[in-house]
Amino acid sequence: MLQTRLAAGVTQLPVFGCGHTTALFLPHQTPYQTPPEEIAALNEAQRQAFLVAASQAMAPILVSLQLGDATDDETLNAKAWQAYYRELKLVDVTVAKPSTTPGRWPNAWATRRRLTVPARSIAGAA
């Protein structure tokens, strides 16, 4: 074996061509752990970006609703975007990966699909 263990964190390696060995200090490497404050700040920034995008998508639809000339599709879109916005507010930003936890980042398209899938009518099923 080329290296010999001396003490915790010190390894003796041969120096090739010189005929002697040298001791190197090789500290134990621990993986970097992101501080909780940084995790929360990064996730809050991501949430704010999602909220801004949702607000921008809702703005023209809400104008149509307020003017009273919104179509049925625009009404469904407004409900979907508002549900998505509320779901974003519920995400726990203190966990390292909200996308892999129960309080994960909601999906705007999944929210839209959930609200627009028509319920089966009892009369149509007969």
N, C-alpha and C. Protein backbone atom coordinates (compact mmCIF):
# COMPACT_ATOMS: atom_id res chain seq x y z
N MET A 1 0.85 -1.17 0.00
CA MET A 1 0.00 0.00 0.00
C MET A 1 0.90 1.23 0.00
N LEU A 2 0.51 2.25 -0.76
CA LEU A 2 1.34 3.44 -0.91
C LEU A 2 1.25 4.40 0.27
N GLN A 3 0.18 4.35 1.03
CA GLN A 3 0.04 5.29 2.14
C GLN A 3 -0.11 4.54 3.46
N THR A 4 0.37 5.12 4.52
CA THR A 4 0.27 4.56 5.86
C THR A 4 -0.43 5.56 6.75
N ARG A 5 -1.35 5.06 7.53
CA ARG A 5 -2.09 5.93 8.43
C ARG A 5 -1.26 6.18 9.68
N LEU A 6 -1.03 7.46 10.05
CA LEU A 6 -0.26 7.79 11.24
C LEU A 6 -1.16 8.16 12.41
N ALA A 7 -1.95 9.15 12.23
CA ALA A 7 -2.87 9.62 13.27
C ALA A 7 -4.09 10.17 12.57
N ALA A 8 -5.04 10.57 13.35
CA ALA A 8 -6.27 11.09 12.75
C ALA A 8 -5.94 12.29 11.87
N GLY A 9 -6.23 12.18 10.58
CA GLY A 9 -6.03 13.28 9.67
C GLY A 9 -4.63 13.38 9.08
N VAL A 10 -3.69 12.49 9.45
CA VAL A 10 -2.33 12.56 8.92
C VAL A 10 -2.05 11.27 8.15
N THR A 11 -1.56 11.39 6.95
CA THR A 11 -1.25 10.24 6.11
C THR A 11 0.19 10.34 5.67
N GLN A 12 0.90 9.20 5.71
CA GLN A 12 2.29 9.17 5.26
C GLN A 12 2.31 8.62 3.84
N LEU A 13 2.85 9.40 2.91
CA LEU A 13 2.91 9.00 1.52
C LEU A 13 4.36 8.90 1.08
N PRO A 14 4.70 7.91 0.24
CA PRO A 14 6.08 7.86 -0.27
C PRO A 14 6.30 8.97 -1.29
N VAL A 15 7.48 9.54 -1.25
CA VAL A 15 7.86 10.53 -2.26
C VAL A 15 8.72 9.78 -3.26
N PHE A 16 8.18 9.58 -4.44
CA PHE A 16 8.85 8.75 -5.43
C PHE A 16 10.12 9.41 -5.94
N GLY A 17 11.18 8.62 -6.07
CA GLY A 17 12.44 9.10 -6.61
C GLY A 17 13.37 9.66 -5.55
N CYS A 18 12.89 9.90 -4.33
CA CYS A 18 13.74 10.49 -3.29
C CYS A 18 14.19 9.44 -2.27
N GLY A 19 13.48 8.35 -2.16
CA GLY A 19 13.86 7.32 -1.21
C GLY A 19 13.37 7.58 0.20
N HIS A 20 12.55 8.59 0.41
CA HIS A 20 12.01 8.82 1.75
C HIS A 20 10.52 9.15 1.66
N THR A 21 9.87 9.25 2.80
CA THR A 21 8.44 9.53 2.83
C THR A 21 8.20 10.87 3.50
N THR A 22 7.03 11.38 3.31
CA THR A 22 6.65 12.64 3.94
C THR A 22 5.26 12.47 4.55
N ALA A 23 4.99 13.22 5.58
CA ALA A 23 3.67 13.17 6.23
C ALA A 23 2.85 14.35 5.74
N LEU A 24 1.65 14.07 5.31
CA LEU A 24 0.73 15.10 4.84
C LEU A 24 -0.46 15.17 5.78
N PHE A 25 -0.91 16.38 6.02
CA PHE A 25 -2.12 16.54 6.82
C PHE A 25 -3.30 16.57 5.88
N LEU A 26 -4.15 15.57 5.98
CA LEU A 26 -5.34 15.48 5.15
C LEU A 26 -6.55 15.54 6.08
N PRO A 27 -7.12 16.72 6.26
CA PRO A 27 -8.24 16.84 7.19
C PRO A 27 -9.46 16.06 6.71
N HIS A 28 -10.24 15.62 7.65
CA HIS A 28 -11.47 14.92 7.33
C HIS A 28 -12.42 15.89 6.63
N GLN A 29 -12.92 15.48 5.49
CA GLN A 29 -13.81 16.33 4.71
C GLN A 29 -15.26 16.05 5.08
N THR A 30 -15.97 17.06 5.50
CA THR A 30 -17.40 16.92 5.75
C THR A 30 -18.13 17.64 4.63
N PRO A 31 -19.23 17.08 4.16
CA PRO A 31 -19.96 17.75 3.08
C PRO A 31 -20.51 19.09 3.54
N TYR A 32 -20.54 20.03 2.61
CA TYR A 32 -21.05 21.36 2.94
C TYR A 32 -22.53 21.27 3.24
N GLN A 33 -22.93 21.88 4.33
CA GLN A 33 -24.33 21.92 4.70
C GLN A 33 -24.79 23.37 4.65
N THR A 34 -25.78 23.62 3.82
CA THR A 34 -26.31 24.97 3.68
C THR A 34 -26.99 25.38 4.98
N PRO A 35 -26.65 26.54 5.51
CA PRO A 35 -27.30 27.01 6.75
C PRO A 35 -28.80 27.19 6.55
N PRO A 36 -29.60 26.93 7.59
CA PRO A 36 -31.05 27.06 7.48
C PRO A 36 -31.51 28.44 7.01
N GLU A 37 -30.81 29.49 7.43
CA GLU A 37 -31.20 30.85 7.01
C GLU A 37 -31.04 31.01 5.50
N GLU A 38 -29.98 30.41 4.95
CA GLU A 38 -29.74 30.51 3.51
C GLU A 38 -30.78 29.70 2.73
N ILE A 39 -31.12 28.53 3.26
CA ILE A 39 -32.16 27.70 2.63
C ILE A 39 -33.47 28.47 2.58
N ALA A 40 -33.85 29.06 3.71
CA ALA A 40 -35.11 29.81 3.77
C ALA A 40 -35.07 31.01 2.81
N ALA A 41 -33.94 31.70 2.74
CA ALA A 41 -33.84 32.86 1.86
C ALA A 41 -33.93 32.45 0.39
N LEU A 42 -33.25 31.38 0.02
CA LEU A 42 -33.29 30.91 -1.37
C LEU A 42 -34.70 30.45 -1.76
N ASN A 43 -35.34 29.70 -0.86
CA ASN A 43 -36.69 29.21 -1.15
C ASN A 43 -37.71 30.35 -1.17
N GLU A 44 -37.52 31.34 -0.31
CA GLU A 44 -38.43 32.50 -0.31
C GLU A 44 -38.28 33.28 -1.62
N ALA A 45 -37.05 33.41 -2.11
CA ALA A 45 -36.83 34.09 -3.39
C ALA A 45 -37.51 33.32 -4.52
N GLN A 46 -37.43 31.98 -4.47
CA GLN A 46 -38.09 31.16 -5.50
C GLN A 46 -39.60 31.33 -5.41
N ARG A 47 -40.13 31.33 -4.18
CA ARG A 47 -41.57 31.50 -4.02
C ARG A 47 -42.02 32.86 -4.55
N GLN A 48 -41.25 33.90 -4.26
CA GLN A 48 -41.60 35.24 -4.74
C GLN A 48 -41.61 35.28 -6.27
N ALA A 49 -40.66 34.59 -6.90
CA ALA A 49 -40.64 34.55 -8.37
C ALA A 49 -41.89 33.86 -8.90
N PHE A 50 -42.30 32.75 -8.26
CA PHE A 50 -43.52 32.06 -8.68
C PHE A 50 -44.76 32.94 -8.45
N LEU A 51 -44.79 33.65 -7.32
CA LEU A 51 -45.93 34.52 -7.03
C LEU A 51 -46.04 35.66 -8.04
N VAL A 52 -44.92 36.24 -8.42
CA VAL A 52 -44.92 37.31 -9.42
C VAL A 52 -45.43 36.78 -10.76
N ALA A 53 -44.96 35.59 -11.15
CA ALA A 53 -45.42 35.00 -12.42
C ALA A 53 -46.93 34.74 -12.38
N ALA A 54 -47.41 34.24 -11.25
CA ALA A 54 -48.85 33.97 -11.12
C ALA A 54 -49.64 35.27 -11.17
N SER A 55 -49.15 36.30 -10.50
CA SER A 55 -49.83 37.60 -10.51
C SER A 55 -49.90 38.17 -11.92
N GLN A 56 -48.79 38.05 -12.65
CA GLN A 56 -48.77 38.57 -14.03
C GLN A 56 -49.72 37.79 -14.93
N ALA A 57 -49.84 36.49 -14.69
CA ALA A 57 -50.77 35.68 -15.50
C ALA A 57 -52.22 36.00 -15.14
N MET A 58 -52.48 36.32 -13.87
CA MET A 58 -53.85 36.59 -13.42
C MET A 58 -54.34 37.98 -13.82
N ALA A 59 -53.46 38.94 -13.95
CA ALA A 59 -53.86 40.34 -14.14
C ALA A 59 -54.86 40.55 -15.28
N PRO A 60 -54.58 40.10 -16.50
CA PRO A 60 -55.53 40.36 -17.58
C PRO A 60 -56.86 39.61 -17.38
N ILE A 61 -56.78 38.43 -16.78
CA ILE A 61 -58.01 37.65 -16.54
C ILE A 61 -58.89 38.36 -15.51
N LEU A 62 -58.26 38.89 -14.47
CA LEU A 62 -59.02 39.58 -13.42
C LEU A 62 -59.67 40.85 -13.95
N VAL A 63 -59.03 41.51 -14.90
CA VAL A 63 -59.64 42.70 -15.51
C VAL A 63 -60.93 42.31 -16.23
N SER A 64 -60.88 41.20 -16.96
CA SER A 64 -62.10 40.73 -17.65
C SER A 64 -63.19 40.38 -16.66
N LEU A 65 -62.81 39.75 -15.55
CA LEU A 65 -63.79 39.41 -14.52
C LEU A 65 -64.42 40.67 -13.91
N GLN A 66 -63.58 41.67 -13.63
CA GLN A 66 -64.08 42.90 -13.03
C GLN A 66 -64.98 43.67 -13.98
N LEU A 67 -64.69 43.60 -15.28
CA LEU A 67 -65.52 44.28 -16.26
C LEU A 67 -66.80 43.51 -16.58
N GLY A 68 -66.83 42.26 -16.15
CA GLY A 68 -68.03 41.45 -16.36
C GLY A 68 -68.12 40.80 -17.72
N ASP A 69 -67.05 40.82 -18.49
CA ASP A 69 -67.11 40.20 -19.82
C ASP A 69 -66.18 38.99 -19.94
N ALA A 70 -65.95 38.31 -18.82
CA ALA A 70 -65.08 37.13 -18.82
C ALA A 70 -65.83 35.92 -19.37
N THR A 71 -65.14 35.13 -20.16
CA THR A 71 -65.72 33.89 -20.67
C THR A 71 -65.65 32.82 -19.59
N ASP A 72 -66.31 31.69 -19.83
CA ASP A 72 -66.25 30.58 -18.88
C ASP A 72 -64.82 30.08 -18.71
N ASP A 73 -64.07 30.04 -19.81
CA ASP A 73 -62.68 29.59 -19.75
C ASP A 73 -61.83 30.56 -18.92
N GLU A 74 -62.06 31.86 -19.09
CA GLU A 74 -61.32 32.86 -18.30
C GLU A 74 -61.67 32.74 -16.81
N THR A 75 -62.90 32.45 -16.51
CA THR A 75 -63.31 32.28 -15.12
C THR A 75 -62.60 31.07 -14.50
N LEU A 76 -62.54 29.96 -15.26
CA LEU A 76 -61.82 28.78 -14.78
C LEU A 76 -60.34 29.07 -14.60
N ASN A 77 -59.76 29.81 -15.56
CA ASN A 77 -58.35 30.18 -15.46
C ASN A 77 -58.10 31.03 -14.22
N ALA A 78 -58.97 31.97 -13.95
CA ALA A 78 -58.81 32.83 -12.78
C ALA A 78 -58.86 32.00 -11.50
N LYS A 79 -59.81 31.08 -11.43
CA LYS A 79 -59.90 30.22 -10.24
C LYS A 79 -58.65 29.36 -10.08
N ALA A 80 -58.14 28.84 -11.20
CA ALA A 80 -56.95 27.99 -11.15
C ALA A 80 -55.73 28.79 -10.68
N TRP A 81 -55.56 29.99 -11.24
CA TRP A 81 -54.41 30.81 -10.84
C TRP A 81 -54.52 31.25 -9.38
N GLN A 82 -55.71 31.56 -8.93
CA GLN A 82 -55.88 31.94 -7.52
C GLN A 82 -55.62 30.77 -6.59
N ALA A 83 -56.04 29.57 -6.99
CA ALA A 83 -55.76 28.38 -6.18
C ALA A 83 -54.25 28.11 -6.14
N TYR A 84 -53.60 28.25 -7.27
CA TYR A 84 -52.15 28.08 -7.34
C TYR A 84 -51.44 29.10 -6.45
N TYR A 85 -51.89 30.34 -6.49
CA TYR A 85 -51.31 31.40 -5.67
C TYR A 85 -51.43 31.06 -4.19
N ARG A 86 -52.62 30.58 -3.78
CA ARG A 86 -52.83 30.20 -2.38
C ARG A 86 -51.94 29.01 -1.99
N GLU A 87 -51.80 28.04 -2.91
CA GLU A 87 -50.94 26.88 -2.64
C GLU A 87 -49.49 27.30 -2.46
N LEU A 88 -49.04 28.27 -3.26
CA LEU A 88 -47.67 28.77 -3.12
C LEU A 88 -47.44 29.35 -1.73
N LYS A 89 -48.42 30.05 -1.20
CA LYS A 89 -48.28 30.68 0.11
C LYS A 89 -48.16 29.64 1.22
N LEU A 90 -48.61 28.40 0.99
CA LEU A 90 -48.58 27.36 2.00
C LEU A 90 -47.29 26.54 2.03
N VAL A 91 -46.42 26.74 1.04
CA VAL A 91 -45.19 25.96 0.97
C VAL A 91 -44.26 26.31 2.13
N ASP A 92 -43.71 25.28 2.76
CA ASP A 92 -42.75 25.47 3.85
C ASP A 92 -41.39 25.77 3.24
N VAL A 93 -40.95 27.01 3.32
CA VAL A 93 -39.69 27.41 2.69
C VAL A 93 -38.47 27.08 3.55
N THR A 94 -38.67 26.53 4.74
CA THR A 94 -37.53 26.24 5.62
C THR A 94 -36.89 24.89 5.33
N VAL A 95 -37.53 24.04 4.53
CA VAL A 95 -36.95 22.74 4.20
C VAL A 95 -36.00 22.88 3.02
N ALA A 96 -35.01 22.00 2.94
CA ALA A 96 -33.98 22.12 1.91
C ALA A 96 -34.53 21.99 0.50
N LYS A 97 -35.43 21.04 0.28
CA LYS A 97 -35.94 20.82 -1.08
C LYS A 97 -37.46 20.74 -1.04
N PRO A 98 -38.13 21.88 -1.13
CA PRO A 98 -39.59 21.83 -1.10
C PRO A 98 -40.19 20.97 -2.20
N SER A 99 -39.47 20.76 -3.28
CA SER A 99 -40.03 19.98 -4.38
C SER A 99 -40.11 18.50 -4.06
N THR A 100 -39.44 18.03 -3.00
CA THR A 100 -39.47 16.61 -2.68
C THR A 100 -40.14 16.34 -1.34
N THR A 101 -40.81 17.32 -0.80
CA THR A 101 -41.47 17.16 0.49
C THR A 101 -42.97 17.35 0.34
N PRO A 102 -43.75 16.97 1.35
CA PRO A 102 -45.20 17.18 1.24
C PRO A 102 -45.59 18.63 0.96
N GLY A 103 -44.85 19.59 1.46
CA GLY A 103 -45.13 21.00 1.19
C GLY A 103 -44.40 21.48 -0.04
N ARG A 104 -44.41 20.67 -1.10
CA ARG A 104 -43.62 20.95 -2.30
C ARG A 104 -44.18 22.15 -3.08
N TRP A 105 -43.39 22.59 -4.05
CA TRP A 105 -43.85 23.68 -4.91
C TRP A 105 -45.04 23.17 -5.72
N PRO A 106 -46.14 23.89 -5.69
CA PRO A 106 -47.30 23.47 -6.48
C PRO A 106 -47.04 23.67 -7.97
N ASN A 107 -47.77 22.95 -8.77
CA ASN A 107 -47.64 23.03 -10.21
C ASN A 107 -48.86 23.76 -10.76
N ALA A 108 -48.62 24.85 -11.46
CA ALA A 108 -49.74 25.66 -11.99
C ALA A 108 -50.61 24.86 -12.94
N TRP A 109 -49.98 24.02 -13.78
CA TRP A 109 -50.76 23.27 -14.76
C TRP A 109 -51.58 22.17 -14.09
N ALA A 110 -51.03 21.54 -13.07
CA ALA A 110 -51.80 20.52 -12.35
C ALA A 110 -52.99 21.16 -11.64
N THR A 111 -52.81 22.35 -11.09
CA THR A 111 -53.91 23.06 -10.45
C THR A 111 -54.99 23.37 -11.47
N ARG A 112 -54.62 23.80 -12.64
CA ARG A 112 -55.57 24.13 -13.71
C ARG A 112 -56.35 22.89 -14.12
N ARG A 113 -55.62 21.77 -14.31
CA ARG A 113 -56.28 20.52 -14.71
C ARG A 113 -57.27 20.05 -13.65
N ARG A 114 -56.87 20.17 -12.39
CA ARG A 114 -57.73 19.71 -11.29
C ARG A 114 -59.05 20.48 -11.27
N LEU A 115 -59.00 21.77 -11.62
CA LEU A 115 -60.21 22.58 -11.59
C LEU A 115 -61.04 22.49 -12.86
N THR A 116 -60.43 22.05 -13.97
CA THR A 116 -61.16 22.07 -15.23
C THR A 116 -61.65 20.71 -15.67
N VAL A 117 -61.25 19.64 -14.99
CA VAL A 117 -61.75 18.32 -15.38
C VAL A 117 -63.24 18.26 -15.03
N PRO A 118 -64.07 18.05 -16.03
CA PRO A 118 -65.52 18.06 -15.76
C PRO A 118 -65.94 16.86 -14.91
N ALA A 119 -66.82 17.11 -13.99
CA ALA A 119 -67.37 16.04 -13.17
C ALA A 119 -68.34 15.23 -14.02
N ARG A 120 -68.37 13.94 -13.78
CA ARG A 120 -69.30 13.09 -14.53
C ARG A 120 -70.73 13.40 -14.09
N SER A 121 -71.56 13.59 -15.06
CA SER A 121 -72.95 13.86 -14.71
C SER A 121 -73.66 12.53 -14.49
N ILE A 122 -74.56 12.52 -13.55
CA ILE A 122 -75.31 11.30 -13.23
C ILE A 122 -76.20 10.94 -14.42
N ALA A 123 -76.79 11.93 -15.06
CA ALA A 123 -77.67 11.68 -16.19
C ALA A 123 -76.88 11.10 -17.37
N GLY A 124 -75.65 11.59 -17.57
CA GLY A 124 -74.84 11.12 -18.68
C GLY A 124 -74.31 9.71 -18.46
N ALA A 125 -74.19 9.30 -17.20
CA ALA A 125 -73.67 7.98 -16.90
C ALA A 125 -74.72 6.90 -17.11
N ALA A 126 -75.97 7.27 -17.12
CA ALA A 126 -77.03 6.26 -17.22
C ALA A 126 -77.22 5.76 -18.62
